[in-house]
Amino acid sequence: MKAVLVVVSVAALGAVAATLYVGSRVYERTVVDDPYEHAVHYDQERQARARLGWRAAFEPASLHPGAAPLAFALLDRAGAPVDGARVRLSLTRPAGGG
């Protein structure tokens, strides 16, 4: 019975030690410095986009991994292409620090 208790205790301490080790090695950057202000501005920008009625229509073939380039059209409220628009696109990975 004592041997089982020792094995369980060692396994539990090993799990705690492994957790502390992994936790000390993982670095997660701050996503947003001030989440409240970011949310307020996000809502304002979203409402402004909704008033314009613009939307992006992506070419399905360009959405597959490894496909290049990313192809899309910016459409107005009526579904007509928006000519002369300047687009800024930012891509990030949701995990892995990208």
PDB file of N, CA and C in Angstrom:
ATOM      1  N   MET A   1       0.827  -1.205   0.000  1.00  0.00           N
ATOM      2  CA  MET A   1       0.000   0.000   0.000  1.00  0.00           C
ATOM      3  C   MET A   1       0.863   1.257   0.000  1.00  0.00           C
ATOM      4  N   LYS A   2       1.966   1.216   0.753  1.00  0.00           N
ATOM      5  CA  LYS A   2       2.858   2.372   0.799  1.00  0.00           C
ATOM      6  C   LYS A   2       3.518   2.596  -0.563  1.00  0.00           C
ATOM      7  N   ALA A   3       3.825   1.513  -1.257  1.00  0.00           N
ATOM      8  CA  ALA A   3       4.459   1.631  -2.566  1.00  0.00           C
ATOM      9  C   ALA A   3       3.524   2.324  -3.555  1.00  0.00           C
ATOM     10  N   VAL A   4       2.249   1.997  -3.509  1.00  0.00           N
ATOM     11  CA  VAL A   4       1.269   2.630  -4.384  1.00  0.00           C
ATOM     12  C   VAL A   4       1.177   4.119  -4.075  1.00  0.00           C
ATOM     13  N   LEU A   5       1.173   4.466  -2.797  1.00  0.00           N
ATOM     14  CA  LEU A   5       1.105   5.864  -2.379  1.00  0.00           C
ATOM     15  C   LEU A   5       2.338   6.624  -2.857  1.00  0.00           C
ATOM     16  N   VAL A   6       3.501   6.006  -2.778  1.00  0.00           N
ATOM     17  CA  VAL A   6       4.732   6.640  -3.234  1.00  0.00           C
ATOM     18  C   VAL A   6       4.687   6.849  -4.749  1.00  0.00           C
ATOM     19  N   VAL A   7       4.240   5.845  -5.493  1.00  0.00           N
ATOM     20  CA  VAL A   7       4.171   5.960  -6.951  1.00  0.00           C
ATOM     21  C   VAL A   7       3.198   7.062  -7.366  1.00  0.00           C
ATOM     22  N   VAL A   8       2.039   7.123  -6.727  1.00  0.00           N
ATOM     23  CA  VAL A   8       1.044   8.151  -7.034  1.00  0.00           C
ATOM     24  C   VAL A   8       1.594   9.531  -6.693  1.00  0.00           C
ATOM     25  N   SER A   9       2.277   9.658  -5.546  1.00  0.00           N
ATOM     26  CA  SER A   9       2.845  10.948  -5.140  1.00  0.00           C
ATOM     27  C   SER A   9       3.913  11.407  -6.116  1.00  0.00           C
ATOM     28  N   VAL A  10       4.793  10.501  -6.539  1.00  0.00           N
ATOM     29  CA  VAL A  10       5.843  10.851  -7.488  1.00  0.00           C
ATOM     30  C   VAL A  10       5.231  11.258  -8.835  1.00  0.00           C
ATOM     31  N   ALA A  11       4.215  10.531  -9.267  1.00  0.00           N
ATOM     32  CA  ALA A  11       3.552  10.871 -10.524  1.00  0.00           C
ATOM     33  C   ALA A  11       2.902  12.244 -10.436  1.00  0.00           C
ATOM     34  N   ALA A  12       2.255  12.554  -9.329  1.00  0.00           N
ATOM     35  CA  ALA A  12       1.606  13.857  -9.145  1.00  0.00           C
ATOM     36  C   ALA A  12       2.645  14.973  -9.125  1.00  0.00           C
ATOM     37  N   LEU A  13       3.748  14.772  -8.414  1.00  0.00           N
ATOM     38  CA  LEU A  13       4.803  15.794  -8.377  1.00  0.00           C
ATOM     39  C   LEU A  13       5.437  15.965  -9.761  1.00  0.00           C
ATOM     40  N   GLY A  14       5.576  14.879 -10.492  1.00  0.00           N
ATOM     41  CA  GLY A  14       6.101  14.961 -11.851  1.00  0.00           C
ATOM     42  C   GLY A  14       5.186  15.758 -12.752  1.00  0.00           C
ATOM     43  N   ALA A  15       3.886  15.551 -12.608  1.00  0.00           N
ATOM     44  CA  ALA A  15       2.921  16.307 -13.411  1.00  0.00           C
ATOM     45  C   ALA A  15       2.980  17.788 -13.084  1.00  0.00           C
ATOM     46  N   VAL A  16       3.101  18.118 -11.808  1.00  0.00           N
ATOM     47  CA  VAL A  16       3.204  19.526 -11.395  1.00  0.00           C
ATOM     48  C   VAL A  16       4.494  20.132 -11.938  1.00  0.00           C
ATOM     49  N   ALA A  17       5.598  19.404 -11.827  1.00  0.00           N
ATOM     50  CA  ALA A  17       6.881  19.906 -12.322  1.00  0.00           C
ATOM     51  C   ALA A  17       6.829  20.113 -13.839  1.00  0.00           C
ATOM     52  N   ALA A  18       6.227  19.188 -14.565  1.00  0.00           N
ATOM     53  CA  ALA A  18       6.111  19.323 -16.019  1.00  0.00           C
ATOM     54  C   ALA A  18       5.258  20.529 -16.387  1.00  0.00           C
ATOM     55  N   THR A  19       4.185  20.732 -15.651  1.00  0.00           N
ATOM     56  CA  THR A  19       3.318  21.883 -15.903  1.00  0.00           C
ATOM     57  C   THR A  19       4.064  23.189 -15.674  1.00  0.00           C
ATOM     58  N   LEU A  20       4.827  23.271 -14.604  1.00  0.00           N
ATOM     59  CA  LEU A  20       5.600  24.483 -14.318  1.00  0.00           C
ATOM     60  C   LEU A  20       6.666  24.712 -15.386  1.00  0.00           C
ATOM     61  N   TYR A  21       7.299  23.653 -15.842  1.00  0.00           N
ATOM     62  CA  TYR A  21       8.323  23.775 -16.878  1.00  0.00           C
ATOM     63  C   TYR A  21       7.724  24.300 -18.179  1.00  0.00           C
ATOM     64  N   VAL A  22       6.644  23.682 -18.615  1.00  0.00           N
ATOM     65  CA  VAL A  22       6.006  24.109 -19.863  1.00  0.00           C
ATOM     66  C   VAL A  22       5.495  25.541 -19.729  1.00  0.00           C
ATOM     67  N   GLY A  23       4.896  25.859 -18.590  1.00  0.00           N
ATOM     68  CA  GLY A  23       4.386  27.212 -18.371  1.00  0.00           C
ATOM     69  C   GLY A  23       5.476  28.267 -18.394  1.00  0.00           C
ATOM     70  N   SER A  24       6.667  27.914 -17.933  1.00  0.00           N
ATOM     71  CA  SER A  24       7.770  28.881 -17.932  1.00  0.00           C
ATOM     72  C   SER A  24       8.373  29.060 -19.323  1.00  0.00           C
ATOM     73  N   ARG A  25       8.175  28.119 -20.220  1.00  0.00           N
ATOM     74  CA  ARG A  25       8.744  28.174 -21.569  1.00  0.00           C
ATOM     75  C   ARG A  25       7.819  28.832 -22.583  1.00  0.00           C
ATOM     76  N   VAL A  26       6.522  28.889 -22.315  1.00  0.00           N
ATOM     77  CA  VAL A  26       5.552  29.425 -23.260  1.00  0.00           C
ATOM     78  C   VAL A  26       5.427  30.926 -23.038  1.00  0.00           C
ATOM     79  N   TYR A  27       5.552  31.683 -24.122  1.00  0.00           N
ATOM     80  CA  TYR A  27       5.421  33.136 -24.051  1.00  0.00           C
ATOM     81  C   TYR A  27       4.246  33.549 -24.925  1.00  0.00           C
ATOM     82  N   GLU A  28       3.263  34.166 -24.322  1.00  0.00           N
ATOM     83  CA  GLU A  28       2.118  34.663 -25.075  1.00  0.00           C
ATOM     84  C   GLU A  28       2.115  36.180 -24.992  1.00  0.00           C
ATOM     85  N   ARG A  29       2.177  36.779 -26.174  1.00  0.00           N
ATOM     86  CA  ARG A  29       2.165  38.238 -26.222  1.00  0.00           C
ATOM     87  C   ARG A  29       0.802  38.772 -25.832  1.00  0.00           C
ATOM     88  N   THR A  30       0.773  40.014 -25.377  1.00  0.00           N
ATOM     89  CA  THR A  30      -0.491  40.682 -25.109  1.00  0.00           C
ATOM     90  C   THR A  30      -1.170  40.944 -26.445  1.00  0.00           C
ATOM     91  N   VAL A  31      -2.387  40.491 -26.572  1.00  0.00           N
ATOM     92  CA  VAL A  31      -3.099  40.653 -27.835  1.00  0.00           C
ATOM     93  C   VAL A  31      -3.519  42.111 -28.008  1.00  0.00           C
ATOM     94  N   VAL A  32      -4.088  42.683 -26.970  1.00  0.00           N
ATOM     95  CA  VAL A  32      -4.550  44.068 -27.001  1.00  0.00           C
ATOM     96  C   VAL A  32      -4.169  44.708 -25.673  1.00  0.00           C
ATOM     97  N   ASP A  33      -3.527  45.884 -25.729  1.00  0.00           N
ATOM     98  CA  ASP A  33      -3.115  46.540 -24.493  1.00  0.00           C
ATOM     99  C   ASP A  33      -4.302  46.972 -23.641  1.00  0.00           C
ATOM    100  N   ASP A  34      -5.320  47.525 -24.270  1.00  0.00           N
ATOM    101  CA  ASP A  34      -6.493  48.001 -23.544  1.00  0.00           C
ATOM    102  C   ASP A  34      -7.746  47.415 -24.199  1.00  0.00           C
ATOM    103  N   PRO A  35      -8.203  46.260 -23.720  1.00  0.00           N
ATOM    104  CA  PRO A  35      -9.323  45.578 -24.381  1.00  0.00           C
ATOM    105  C   PRO A  35     -10.597  46.408 -24.453  1.00  0.00           C
ATOM    106  N   TYR A  36     -10.883  47.204 -23.428  1.00  0.00           N
ATOM    107  CA  TYR A  36     -12.119  47.998 -23.436  1.00  0.00           C
ATOM    108  C   TYR A  36     -12.093  49.020 -24.568  1.00  0.00           C
ATOM    109  N   GLU A  37     -10.995  49.787 -24.656  1.00  0.00           N
ATOM    110  CA  GLU A  37     -10.889  50.799 -25.713  1.00  0.00           C
ATOM    111  C   GLU A  37     -10.900  50.146 -27.089  1.00  0.00           C
ATOM    112  N   HIS A  38     -10.236  49.019 -27.219  1.00  0.00           N
ATOM    113  CA  HIS A  38     -10.232  48.298 -28.492  1.00  0.00           C
ATOM    114  C   HIS A  38     -11.657  47.901 -28.884  1.00  0.00           C
ATOM    115  N   ALA A  39     -12.424  47.419 -27.921  1.00  0.00           N
ATOM    116  CA  ALA A  39     -13.802  47.000 -28.194  1.00  0.00           C
ATOM    117  C   ALA A  39     -14.672  48.182 -28.594  1.00  0.00           C
ATOM    118  N   VAL A  40     -14.492  49.316 -27.930  1.00  0.00           N
ATOM    119  CA  VAL A  40     -15.282  50.510 -28.265  1.00  0.00           C
ATOM    120  C   VAL A  40     -14.993  50.931 -29.698  1.00  0.00           C
ATOM    121  N   HIS A  41     -13.712  51.001 -30.064  1.00  0.00           N
ATOM    122  CA  HIS A  41     -13.360  51.405 -31.425  1.00  0.00           C
ATOM    123  C   HIS A  41     -13.793  50.359 -32.447  1.00  0.00           C
ATOM    124  N   TYR A  42     -13.705  49.097 -32.069  1.00  0.00           N
ATOM    125  CA  TYR A  42     -14.138  48.031 -32.978  1.00  0.00           C
ATOM    126  C   TYR A  42     -15.622  48.186 -33.295  1.00  0.00           C
ATOM    127  N   ASP A  43     -16.433  48.433 -32.276  1.00  0.00           N
ATOM    128  CA  ASP A  43     -17.871  48.604 -32.494  1.00  0.00           C
ATOM    129  C   ASP A  43     -18.149  49.809 -33.391  1.00  0.00           C
ATOM    130  N   GLN A  44     -17.424  50.910 -33.169  1.00  0.00           N
ATOM    131  CA  GLN A  44     -17.618  52.095 -33.997  1.00  0.00           C
ATOM    132  C   GLN A  44     -17.237  51.817 -35.450  1.00  0.00           C
ATOM    133  N   GLU A  45     -16.115  51.143 -35.654  1.00  0.00           N
ATOM    134  CA  GLU A  45     -15.683  50.813 -37.020  1.00  0.00           C
ATOM    135  C   GLU A  45     -16.668  49.853 -37.689  1.00  0.00           C
ATOM    136  N   ARG A  46     -17.152  48.902 -36.927  1.00  0.00           N
ATOM    137  CA  ARG A  46     -18.107  47.938 -37.473  1.00  0.00           C
ATOM    138  C   ARG A  46     -19.407  48.634 -37.898  1.00  0.00           C
ATOM    139  N   GLN A  47     -19.884  49.577 -37.081  1.00  0.00           N
ATOM    140  CA  GLN A  47     -21.092  50.317 -37.427  1.00  0.00           C
ATOM    141  C   GLN A  47     -20.868  51.180 -38.668  1.00  0.00           C
ATOM    142  N   ALA A  48     -19.677  51.782 -38.780  1.00  0.00           N
ATOM    143  CA  ALA A  48     -19.370  52.594 -39.965  1.00  0.00           C
ATOM    144  C   ALA A  48     -19.345  51.724 -41.222  1.00  0.00           C
ATOM    145  N   ARG A  49     -18.764  50.521 -41.114  1.00  0.00           N
ATOM    146  CA  ARG A  49     -18.758  49.610 -42.266  1.00  0.00           C
ATOM    147  C   ARG A  49     -20.180  49.174 -42.621  1.00  0.00           C
ATOM    148  N   ALA A  50     -20.997  48.953 -41.606  1.00  0.00           N
ATOM    149  CA  ALA A  50     -22.383  48.528 -41.866  1.00  0.00           C
ATOM    150  C   ALA A  50     -23.153  49.628 -42.582  1.00  0.00           C
ATOM    151  N   ARG A  51     -22.892  50.902 -42.226  1.00  0.00           N
ATOM    152  CA  ARG A  51     -23.573  52.012 -42.907  1.00  0.00           C
ATOM    153  C   ARG A  51     -23.180  52.087 -44.378  1.00  0.00           C
ATOM    154  N   LEU A  52     -21.910  51.788 -44.688  1.00  0.00           N
ATOM    155  CA  LEU A  52     -21.468  51.790 -46.080  1.00  0.00           C
ATOM    156  C   LEU A  52     -22.101  50.648 -46.864  1.00  0.00           C
ATOM    157  N   GLY A  53     -22.271  49.526 -46.213  1.00  0.00           N
ATOM    158  CA  GLY A  53     -22.857  48.371 -46.883  1.00  0.00           C
ATOM    159  C   GLY A  53     -21.872  47.606 -47.752  1.00  0.00           C
ATOM    160  N   TRP A  54     -20.589  47.882 -47.595  1.00  0.00           N
ATOM    161  CA  TRP A  54     -19.586  47.187 -48.383  1.00  0.00           C
ATOM    162  C   TRP A  54     -19.333  45.797 -47.831  1.00  0.00           C
ATOM    163  N   ARG A  55     -18.911  44.897 -48.715  1.00  0.00           N
ATOM    164  CA  ARG A  55     -18.527  43.559 -48.271  1.00  0.00           C
ATOM    165  C   ARG A  55     -17.456  43.027 -49.202  1.00  0.00           C
ATOM    166  N   ALA A  56     -16.683  42.076 -48.699  1.00  0.00           N
ATOM    167  CA  ALA A  56     -15.648  41.442 -49.514  1.00  0.00           C
ATOM    168  C   ALA A  56     -16.157  40.075 -49.954  1.00  0.00           C
ATOM    169  N   ALA A  57     -16.047  39.802 -51.245  1.00  0.00           N
ATOM    170  CA  ALA A  57     -16.424  38.502 -51.797  1.00  0.00           C
ATOM    171  C   ALA A  57     -15.140  37.802 -52.234  1.00  0.00           C
ATOM    172  N   PHE A  58     -14.782  36.727 -51.548  1.00  0.00           N
ATOM    173  CA  PHE A  58     -13.534  36.016 -51.830  1.00  0.00           C
ATOM    174  C   PHE A  58     -13.744  34.946 -52.889  1.00  0.00           C
ATOM    175  N   GLU A  59     -12.747  34.785 -53.744  1.00  0.00           N
ATOM    176  CA  GLU A  59     -12.752  33.711 -54.728  1.00  0.00           C
ATOM    177  C   GLU A  59     -12.521  32.406 -53.977  1.00  0.00           C
ATOM    178  N   PRO A  60     -13.440  31.442 -54.060  1.00  0.00           N
ATOM    179  CA  PRO A  60     -13.290  30.194 -53.301  1.00  0.00           C
ATOM    180  C   PRO A  60     -11.963  29.474 -53.540  1.00  0.00           C
ATOM    181  N   ALA A  61     -11.460  29.488 -54.759  1.00  0.00           N
ATOM    182  CA  ALA A  61     -10.210  28.769 -55.064  1.00  0.00           C
ATOM    183  C   ALA A  61      -9.011  29.385 -54.346  1.00  0.00           C
ATOM    184  N   SER A  62      -9.091  30.676 -53.989  1.00  0.00           N
ATOM    185  CA  SER A  62      -7.948  31.333 -53.338  1.00  0.00           C
ATOM    186  C   SER A  62      -7.940  31.129 -51.833  1.00  0.00           C
ATOM    187  N   LEU A  63      -8.940  30.467 -51.286  1.00  0.00           N
ATOM    188  CA  LEU A  63      -9.029  30.282 -49.836  1.00  0.00           C
ATOM    189  C   LEU A  63      -8.398  28.987 -49.353  1.00  0.00           C
ATOM    190  N   HIS A  64      -7.859  28.187 -50.244  1.00  0.00           N
ATOM    191  CA  HIS A  64      -7.244  26.922 -49.851  1.00  0.00           C
ATOM    192  C   HIS A  64      -5.800  27.161 -49.421  1.00  0.00           C
ATOM    193  N   PRO A  65      -5.314  26.407 -48.432  1.00  0.00           N
ATOM    194  CA  PRO A  65      -3.921  26.564 -47.987  1.00  0.00           C
ATOM    195  C   PRO A  65      -2.957  26.401 -49.161  1.00  0.00           C
ATOM    196  N   GLY A  66      -2.004  27.292 -49.224  1.00  0.00           N
ATOM    197  CA  GLY A  66      -1.008  27.238 -50.278  1.00  0.00           C
ATOM    198  C   GLY A  66      -1.415  27.939 -51.554  1.00  0.00           C
ATOM    199  N   ALA A  67      -2.676  28.319 -51.668  1.00  0.00           N
ATOM    200  CA  ALA A  67      -3.134  29.022 -52.874  1.00  0.00           C
ATOM    201  C   ALA A  67      -2.639  30.456 -52.819  1.00  0.00           C
ATOM    202  N   ALA A  68      -2.219  30.966 -53.947  1.00  0.00           N
ATOM    203  CA  ALA A  68      -1.763  32.345 -53.988  1.00  0.00           C
ATOM    204  C   ALA A  68      -2.132  32.901 -55.347  1.00  0.00           C
ATOM    205  N   PRO A  69      -2.454  34.094 -55.495  1.00  0.00           N
ATOM    206  CA  PRO A  69      -2.712  35.076 -54.451  1.00  0.00           C
ATOM    207  C   PRO A  69      -4.127  34.976 -53.894  1.00  0.00           C
ATOM    208  N   LEU A  70      -4.367  35.686 -52.810  1.00  0.00           N
ATOM    209  CA  LEU A  70      -5.702  35.770 -52.232  1.00  0.00           C
ATOM    210  C   LEU A  70      -6.517  36.720 -53.112  1.00  0.00           C
ATOM    211  N   ALA A  71      -7.582  36.218 -53.687  1.00  0.00           N
ATOM    212  CA  ALA A  71      -8.368  37.018 -54.635  1.00  0.00           C
ATOM    213  C   ALA A  71      -9.742  37.319 -54.045  1.00  0.00           C
ATOM    214  N   PHE A  72     -10.116  38.586 -54.103  1.00  0.00           N
ATOM    215  CA  PHE A  72     -11.438  38.990 -53.623  1.00  0.00           C
ATOM    216  C   PHE A  72     -11.875  40.249 -54.346  1.00  0.00           C
ATOM    217  N   ALA A  73     -13.162  40.530 -54.251  1.00  0.00           N
ATOM    218  CA  ALA A  73     -13.720  41.758 -54.818  1.00  0.00           C
ATOM    219  C   ALA A  73     -14.414  42.523 -53.696  1.00  0.00           C
ATOM    220  N   LEU A  74     -14.255  43.817 -53.684  1.00  0.00           N
ATOM    221  CA  LEU A  74     -14.941  44.677 -52.724  1.00  0.00           C
ATOM    222  C   LEU A  74     -16.228  45.152 -53.389  1.00  0.00           C
ATOM    223  N   LEU A  75     -17.354  44.813 -52.764  1.00  0.00           N
ATOM    224  CA  LEU A  75     -18.656  45.115 -53.364  1.00  0.00           C
ATOM    225  C   LEU A  75     -19.413  46.140 -52.536  1.00  0.00           C
ATOM    226  N   ASP A  76     -20.186  46.995 -53.215  1.00  0.00           N
ATOM    227  CA  ASP A  76     -21.006  47.971 -52.496  1.00  0.00           C
ATOM    228  C   ASP A  76     -22.343  47.346 -52.100  1.00  0.00           C
ATOM    229  N   ARG A  77     -23.216  48.169 -51.551  1.00  0.00           N
ATOM    230  CA  ARG A  77     -24.515  47.692 -51.062  1.00  0.00           C
ATOM    231  C   ARG A  77     -25.338  47.006 -52.153  1.00  0.00           C
ATOM    232  N   ALA A  78     -25.201  47.470 -53.394  1.00  0.00           N
ATOM    233  CA  ALA A  78     -25.963  46.907 -54.511  1.00  0.00           C
ATOM    234  C   ALA A  78     -25.291  45.671 -55.114  1.00  0.00           C
ATOM    235  N   GLY A  79     -24.089  45.337 -54.629  1.00  0.00           N
ATOM    236  CA  GLY A  79     -23.377  44.174 -55.151  1.00  0.00           C
ATOM    237  C   GLY A  79     -22.466  44.494 -56.317  1.00  0.00           C
ATOM    238  N   ALA A  80     -22.302  45.782 -56.619  1.00  0.00           N
ATOM    239  CA  ALA A  80     -21.416  46.199 -57.702  1.00  0.00           C
ATOM    240  C   ALA A  80     -20.002  46.398 -57.154  1.00  0.00           C
ATOM    241  N   PRO A  81     -18.981  46.112 -57.960  1.00  0.00           N
ATOM    242  CA  PRO A  81     -17.601  46.311 -57.494  1.00  0.00           C
ATOM    243  C   PRO A  81     -17.324  47.777 -57.162  1.00  0.00           C
ATOM    244  N   VAL A  82     -16.564  48.004 -56.097  1.00  0.00           N
ATOM    245  CA  VAL A  82     -16.160  49.354 -55.707  1.00  0.00           C
ATOM    246  C   VAL A  82     -14.848  49.644 -56.430  1.00  0.00           C
ATOM    247  N   ASP A  83     -14.880  50.614 -57.344  1.00  0.00           N
ATOM    248  CA  ASP A  83     -13.687  50.956 -58.120  1.00  0.00           C
ATOM    249  C   ASP A  83     -12.821  51.949 -57.358  1.00  0.00           C
ATOM    250  N   GLY A  84     -11.510  51.786 -57.469  1.00  0.00           N
ATOM    251  CA  GLY A  84     -10.570  52.741 -56.894  1.00  0.00           C
ATOM    252  C   GLY A  84     -10.407  52.648 -55.388  1.00  0.00           C
ATOM    253  N   ALA A  85     -10.934  51.624 -54.759  1.00  0.00           N
ATOM    254  CA  ALA A  85     -10.810  51.494 -53.307  1.00  0.00           C
ATOM    255  C   ALA A  85      -9.408  51.034 -52.946  1.00  0.00           C
ATOM    256  N   ARG A  86      -8.886  51.562 -51.845  1.00  0.00           N
ATOM    257  CA  ARG A  86      -7.597  51.110 -51.312  1.00  0.00           C
ATOM    258  C   ARG A  86      -7.890  50.177 -50.154  1.00  0.00           C
ATOM    259  N   VAL A  87      -7.288  49.018 -50.174  1.00  0.00           N
ATOM    260  CA  VAL A  87      -7.561  47.993 -49.175  1.00  0.00           C
ATOM    261  C   VAL A  87      -6.288  47.691 -48.408  1.00  0.00           C
ATOM    262  N   ARG A  88      -6.401  47.631 -47.093  1.00  0.00           N
ATOM    263  CA  ARG A  88      -5.296  47.206 -46.239  1.00  0.00           C
ATOM    264  C   ARG A  88      -5.713  45.894 -45.591  1.00  0.00           C
ATOM    265  N   LEU A  89      -4.914  44.886 -45.771  1.00  0.00           N
ATOM    266  CA  LEU A  89      -5.232  43.553 -45.285  1.00  0.00           C
ATOM    267  C   LEU A  89      -4.145  43.108 -44.324  1.00  0.00           C
ATOM    268  N   SER A  90      -4.555  42.595 -43.180  1.00  0.00           N
ATOM    269  CA  SER A  90      -3.628  42.094 -42.185  1.00  0.00           C
ATOM    270  C   SER A  90      -3.987  40.654 -41.859  1.00  0.00           C
ATOM    271  N   LEU A  91      -3.041  39.753 -42.027  1.00  0.00           N
ATOM    272  CA  LEU A  91      -3.277  38.338 -41.741  1.00  0.00           C
ATOM    273  C   LEU A  91      -2.411  37.919 -40.555  1.00  0.00           C
ATOM    274  N   THR A  92      -3.019  37.209 -39.628  1.00  0.00           N
ATOM    275  CA  THR A  92      -2.280  36.664 -38.489  1.00  0.00           C
ATOM    276  C   THR A  92      -2.735  35.253 -38.236  1.00  0.00           C
ATOM    277  N   ARG A  93      -1.895  34.496 -37.583  1.00  0.00           N
ATOM    278  CA  ARG A  93      -2.282  33.154 -37.159  1.00  0.00           C
ATOM    279  C   ARG A  93      -2.906  33.268 -35.777  1.00  0.00           C
ATOM    280  N   PRO A  94      -4.000  32.556 -35.521  1.00  0.00           N
ATOM    281  CA  PRO A  94      -4.651  32.655 -34.211  1.00  0.00           C
ATOM    282  C   PRO A  94      -3.813  32.068 -33.098  1.00  0.00           C
ATOM    283  N   ALA A  95      -2.886  31.175 -33.392  1.00  0.00           N
ATOM    284  CA  ALA A  95      -2.026  30.584 -32.369  1.00  0.00           C
ATOM    285  C   ALA A  95      -0.635  30.428 -32.936  1.00  0.00           C
ATOM    286  N   GLY A  96       0.334  30.397 -32.066  1.00  0.00           N
ATOM    287  CA  GLY A  96       1.688  30.165 -32.520  1.00  0.00           C
ATOM    288  C   GLY A  96       2.499  31.417 -32.748  1.00  0.00           C
ATOM    289  N   GLY A  97       1.994  32.571 -32.302  1.00  0.00           N
ATOM    290  CA  GLY A  97       2.783  33.794 -32.366  1.00  0.00           C
ATOM    291  C   GLY A  97       2.957  34.385 -33.741  1.00  0.00           C
ATOM    292  N   GLY A  98       1.968  34.246 -34.625  1.00  0.00           N
ATOM    293  CA  GLY A  98       2.139  34.785 -35.971  1.00  0.00           C
ATOM    294  C   GLY A  98       1.408  35.968 -36.199  1.00  0.00           C
TER     295      GLY A  98
END
